[in-house]
N, C-alpha and C. Protein backbone atom coordinates (compact mmCIF):
# COMPACT_ATOMS: atom_id res chain seq x y z
N MET A 1 -2.81 -106.77 -30.03
CA MET A 1 -4.02 -107.15 -30.51
C MET A 1 -5.17 -106.41 -29.89
N LEU A 2 -5.21 -106.60 -28.57
CA LEU A 2 -6.23 -105.60 -27.88
C LEU A 2 -6.35 -104.10 -28.34
N TRP A 3 -5.32 -103.71 -27.97
CA TRP A 3 -5.37 -102.28 -28.40
C TRP A 3 -5.97 -101.80 -30.02
N THR A 4 -5.78 -103.12 -30.89
CA THR A 4 -6.26 -102.96 -32.21
C THR A 4 -7.66 -103.01 -32.13
N ILE A 5 -8.29 -104.00 -31.50
CA ILE A 5 -9.48 -104.03 -31.13
C ILE A 5 -10.47 -102.92 -30.98
N ALA A 6 -9.57 -102.27 -29.84
CA ALA A 6 -10.44 -101.22 -29.14
C ALA A 6 -10.37 -100.05 -29.93
N ALA A 7 -9.22 -100.05 -30.76
CA ALA A 7 -8.96 -98.71 -31.56
C ALA A 7 -10.25 -99.01 -32.81
N ILE A 8 -10.53 -100.24 -33.46
CA ILE A 8 -11.68 -100.42 -34.49
C ILE A 8 -13.05 -100.22 -33.78
N LEU A 9 -13.12 -100.57 -32.57
CA LEU A 9 -14.37 -100.00 -32.07
C LEU A 9 -14.57 -98.56 -31.89
N LEU A 10 -13.64 -98.05 -31.44
CA LEU A 10 -13.61 -96.35 -31.12
C LEU A 10 -14.11 -95.96 -32.30
N VAL A 11 -13.48 -96.27 -33.55
CA VAL A 11 -13.60 -95.64 -35.23
C VAL A 11 -15.22 -96.00 -35.43
N LEU A 12 -15.37 -97.41 -35.11
CA LEU A 12 -17.11 -97.58 -35.55
C LEU A 12 -17.92 -96.64 -34.68
N TRP A 13 -17.57 -96.57 -33.50
CA TRP A 13 -18.69 -95.68 -32.61
C TRP A 13 -18.60 -94.42 -33.18
N VAL A 14 -17.51 -93.92 -33.47
CA VAL A 14 -17.15 -92.58 -33.97
C VAL A 14 -18.53 -92.69 -35.16
N LEU A 15 -18.10 -93.47 -36.22
CA LEU A 15 -19.06 -93.42 -37.15
C LEU A 15 -20.07 -93.31 -37.29
N GLY A 16 -20.68 -94.30 -35.95
CA GLY A 16 -22.26 -94.48 -35.66
C GLY A 16 -22.45 -93.38 -35.47
N LEU A 17 -21.97 -92.41 -34.69
CA LEU A 17 -22.19 -91.19 -34.20
C LEU A 17 -22.43 -90.18 -35.30
N VAL A 18 -21.67 -90.32 -36.43
CA VAL A 18 -21.68 -89.05 -37.43
C VAL A 18 -22.46 -89.65 -38.50
N PHE A 19 -22.64 -90.98 -38.57
CA PHE A 19 -23.80 -91.33 -39.84
C PHE A 19 -24.89 -91.98 -39.19
N GLU A 20 -25.12 -91.79 -38.03
CA GLU A 20 -26.25 -92.58 -37.28
C GLU A 20 -26.68 -93.57 -37.44
N ILE A 21 -25.76 -94.63 -37.83
CA ILE A 21 -25.90 -96.01 -38.39
C ILE A 21 -25.88 -96.88 -36.88
N ALA A 22 -26.37 -98.15 -36.88
CA ALA A 22 -26.56 -99.22 -36.02
C ALA A 22 -27.03 -98.86 -34.83
N GLY A 23 -27.83 -97.96 -34.67
CA GLY A 23 -28.41 -97.47 -33.24
C GLY A 23 -27.64 -97.76 -32.13
N GLY A 24 -28.45 -98.46 -31.11
CA GLY A 24 -27.84 -98.87 -29.92
C GLY A 24 -26.63 -99.86 -29.90
N ILE A 25 -26.51 -100.79 -30.77
CA ILE A 25 -25.39 -101.73 -30.99
C ILE A 25 -23.98 -101.10 -30.94
N ILE A 26 -23.91 -100.10 -31.73
CA ILE A 26 -22.39 -99.43 -31.57
C ILE A 26 -21.85 -98.88 -30.37
N HIS A 27 -22.93 -98.60 -29.33
CA HIS A 27 -22.67 -98.11 -28.27
C HIS A 27 -22.36 -99.47 -27.04
N ILE A 28 -23.06 -100.41 -27.66
CA ILE A 28 -22.73 -101.65 -26.68
C ILE A 28 -21.31 -102.26 -26.85
N LEU A 29 -21.21 -101.96 -28.35
CA LEU A 29 -19.42 -102.49 -28.50
C LEU A 29 -18.42 -101.61 -27.91
N LEU A 30 -18.96 -100.29 -27.92
CA LEU A 30 -17.96 -99.63 -26.95
C LEU A 30 -17.72 -99.73 -25.44
N VAL A 31 -18.84 -99.84 -24.90
CA VAL A 31 -18.73 -100.51 -23.54
C VAL A 31 -18.03 -101.79 -23.54
N ILE A 32 -18.23 -102.45 -24.52
CA ILE A 32 -17.29 -104.37 -24.69
C ILE A 32 -15.70 -103.55 -24.68
N GLY A 33 -15.79 -102.92 -25.48
CA GLY A 33 -14.24 -102.88 -25.96
C GLY A 33 -13.57 -101.99 -24.66
N LEU A 34 -14.16 -100.92 -23.83
CA LEU A 34 -13.88 -100.25 -22.42
C LEU A 34 -13.64 -101.33 -21.71
N ILE A 35 -14.45 -102.02 -21.71
CA ILE A 35 -14.48 -103.48 -20.57
C ILE A 35 -13.00 -104.14 -20.77
N LEU A 36 -12.87 -104.57 -22.16
CA LEU A 36 -11.47 -105.28 -22.50
C LEU A 36 -10.16 -104.22 -21.74
N ILE A 37 -10.62 -103.03 -22.56
CA ILE A 37 -9.24 -102.56 -22.10
C ILE A 37 -8.97 -102.37 -20.51
N ALA A 38 -10.04 -102.09 -19.65
CA ALA A 38 -9.78 -102.11 -18.31
C ALA A 38 -9.23 -103.39 -17.67
N TYR A 39 -9.85 -104.67 -18.37
CA TYR A 39 -9.38 -106.01 -18.17
C TYR A 39 -7.96 -105.99 -18.45
N ASN A 40 -7.70 -105.58 -19.54
CA ASN A 40 -5.99 -105.96 -19.60
C ASN A 40 -4.93 -104.98 -18.69
N ALA A 41 -5.68 -103.71 -18.60
CA ALA A 41 -4.73 -102.94 -17.43
C ALA A 41 -4.25 -103.73 -16.22
N ILE A 42 -5.62 -104.09 -15.67
CA ILE A 42 -5.80 -104.81 -14.27
C ILE A 42 -4.65 -105.91 -14.45
N LYS A 43 -4.98 -106.57 -15.65
CA LYS A 43 -4.38 -107.91 -15.81
C LYS A 43 -2.81 -107.82 -15.76
N GLY A 44 -2.44 -106.77 -16.65
CA GLY A 44 -1.24 -106.32 -17.12
C GLY A 44 -0.15 -106.19 -15.75
N ARG A 45 -1.09 -105.20 -14.60
CA ARG A 45 -0.60 -104.62 -13.55
C ARG A 45 -0.38 -105.88 -12.39
N THR A 46 -1.28 -106.95 -12.56
CA THR A 46 -1.15 -107.85 -11.41
C THR A 46 -0.23 -108.83 -11.76
N SER A 47 -0.04 -109.02 -13.13
CA SER A 47 1.00 -110.31 -13.69
C SER A 47 2.45 -109.81 -13.72
N GLY A 48 2.44 -108.41 -13.81
CA GLY A 48 4.02 -107.59 -13.36
C GLY A 48 4.24 -107.96 -12.12
N THR A 49 3.60 -108.06 -10.87
CA THR A 49 3.91 -107.94 -9.74
C THR A 49 4.35 -109.72 -9.39
N ARG A 50 3.82 -110.35 -9.89
CA ARG A 50 4.42 -111.80 -9.63
C ARG A 50 5.52 -112.33 -9.96
N HIS A 51 6.25 -112.85 -8.86
CA HIS A 51 7.65 -113.43 -9.51
C HIS A 51 7.60 -115.02 -9.37
């Protein structure tokens, strides 16, 4: 589900760049998406090492 959200944010960011809509809001959403991806990657690594 997190990857779906990240993909949607990426598409919205590209559309925002192409059509110049939403101003700076789309860049904020992109940063939030990247933070979520990084969090998920770190969480996945740490949870895999615990037994």
